[in-house]
C-alpha atoms as a PDB file:
ATOM      1  CA  MET A   1      -6.371   0.325  34.640  1.00  0.00           C
ATOM      2  CA  ALA A   2      -4.850  -3.184  36.018  1.00  0.00           C
ATOM      3  CA  GLY A   3      -6.271  -5.270  33.454  1.00  0.00           C
ATOM      4  CA  ILE A   4      -5.460  -2.874  30.355  1.00  0.00           C
ATOM      5  CA  VAL A   5      -1.668  -3.176  31.498  1.00  0.00           C
ATOM      6  CA  ASN A   6      -1.490  -6.328  31.609  1.00  0.00           C
ATOM      7  CA  TYR A   7      -3.015  -6.298  28.173  1.00  0.00           C
ATOM      8  CA  ILE A   8      -0.283  -4.743  26.655  1.00  0.00           C
ATOM      9  CA  LYS A   9       2.063  -6.489  28.629  1.00  0.00           C
ATOM     10  CA  GLU A  10       0.369  -9.759  27.742  1.00  0.00           C
ATOM     11  CA  SER A  11       0.761  -8.447  23.751  1.00  0.00           C
ATOM     12  CA  PHE A  12       4.244  -7.661  23.719  1.00  0.00           C
ATOM     13  CA  GLY A  13       5.516 -10.776  24.837  1.00  0.00           C
ATOM     14  CA  GLU A  14       3.159 -12.624  22.621  1.00  0.00           C
ATOM     15  CA  LEU A  15       5.025 -10.456  19.907  1.00  0.00           C
ATOM     16  CA  LYS A  16       8.616 -10.617  20.799  1.00  0.00           C
ATOM     17  CA  ASN A  17       8.055 -14.873  21.547  1.00  0.00           C
ATOM     18  CA  ASN A  18       5.358 -16.337  19.777  1.00  0.00           C
ATOM     19  CA  VAL A  19       5.232 -14.138  16.275  1.00  0.00           C
ATOM     20  CA  SER A  20       7.587 -15.242  13.278  1.00  0.00           C
ATOM     21  CA  TRP A  21       9.251 -11.496  11.815  1.00  0.00           C
ATOM     22  CA  THR A  22      10.365 -11.770   8.309  1.00  0.00           C
ATOM     23  CA  PRO A  23      14.605 -11.422   8.111  1.00  0.00           C
ATOM     24  CA  TRP A  24      15.381  -7.869   8.181  1.00  0.00           C
ATOM     25  CA  ALA A  25      16.533  -8.162   4.315  1.00  0.00           C
ATOM     26  CA  GLU A  26      13.468  -9.747   2.982  1.00  0.00           C
ATOM     27  CA  ALA A  27      11.629  -7.010   4.528  1.00  0.00           C
ATOM     28  CA  GLN A  28      13.812  -4.659   2.609  1.00  0.00           C
ATOM     29  CA  SER A  29      13.465  -6.330  -0.668  1.00  0.00           C
ATOM     30  CA  LEU A  30       9.842  -6.300  -0.339  1.00  0.00           C
ATOM     31  CA  THR A  31       9.102  -3.156   0.960  1.00  0.00           C
ATOM     32  CA  VAL A  32      11.439  -1.655  -2.337  1.00  0.00           C
ATOM     33  CA  LEU A  33       8.725  -4.451  -4.457  1.00  0.00           C
ATOM     34  CA  VAL A  34       5.840  -2.816  -2.932  1.00  0.00           C
ATOM     35  CA  ALA A  35       6.825   0.701  -3.834  1.00  0.00           C
ATOM     36  CA  VAL A  36       7.896  -0.403  -7.258  1.00  0.00           C
ATOM     37  CA  PHE A  37       4.721  -1.578  -7.792  1.00  0.00           C
ATOM     38  CA  SER A  38       2.814   0.989  -6.228  1.00  0.00           C
ATOM     39  CA  ILE A  39       4.241   3.848  -8.279  1.00  0.00           C
ATOM     40  CA  VAL A  40       3.816   1.379 -11.421  1.00  0.00           C
ATOM     41  CA  PHE A  41       0.695   0.791 -10.890  1.00  0.00           C
ATOM     42  CA  SER A  42       0.079   4.698  -9.967  1.00  0.00           C
ATOM     43  CA  LEU A  43       1.676   5.939 -12.863  1.00  0.00           C
ATOM     44  CA  ALA A  44      -0.485   3.254 -15.813  1.00  0.00           C
ATOM     45  CA  ILE A  45      -3.345   4.635 -13.710  1.00  0.00           C
ATOM     46  CA  TRP A  46      -2.738   8.474 -14.278  1.00  0.00           C
ATOM     47  CA  GLY A  47      -1.755   7.111 -18.201  1.00  0.00           C
ATOM     48  CA  VAL A  48      -5.843   5.477 -18.305  1.00  0.00           C
ATOM     49  CA  ASP A  49      -7.716   8.735 -16.758  1.00  0.00           C
ATOM     50  CA  THR A  50      -5.305  10.662 -19.027  1.00  0.00           C
ATOM     51  CA  VAL A  51      -6.212   9.357 -22.361  1.00  0.00           C
ATOM     52  CA  PHE A  52      -9.500   8.855 -21.130  1.00  0.00           C
ATOM     53  CA  GLY A  53      -9.839  12.078 -20.413  1.00  0.00           C
ATOM     54  CA  LYS A  54      -8.783  13.367 -23.491  1.00  0.00           C
ATOM     55  CA  VAL A  55     -11.283  11.111 -25.601  1.00  0.00           C
ATOM     56  CA  ILE A  56     -14.142  12.420 -23.582  1.00  0.00           C
ATOM     57  CA  GLY A  57     -12.953  16.260 -24.203  1.00  0.00           C
ATOM     58  CA  PHE A  58     -12.650  15.211 -27.831  1.00  0.00           C
ATOM     59  CA  TYR A  59     -16.285  13.718 -28.093  1.00  0.00           C
ATOM     60  CA  PHE A  60     -18.139  16.342 -26.014  1.00  0.00           C
ATOM     61  CA  GLN A  61     -16.126  18.648 -29.106  1.00  0.00           C
ATOM     62  CA  LEU A  62     -17.363  16.672 -31.295  1.00  0.00           C
ATOM     63  CA  ILE A  63     -21.394  16.830 -29.855  1.00  0.00           C
ATOM     64  CA  ASN A  64     -20.944  20.231 -28.766  1.00  0.00           C
END
């Protein structure tokens, strides 16, 4: 159990002292960029899915 506690303490020390963190303002702007891109990409996929669904539905109506 002491090994686990020591590992956690060393991990936090590593994160605090040796990791270079992105500045807060840059992290916020990148988060917004990722959110906007995700929304746009999901809308594009939804649009393509809707169009393909209608085309396939129309095709099956023709052959039926």
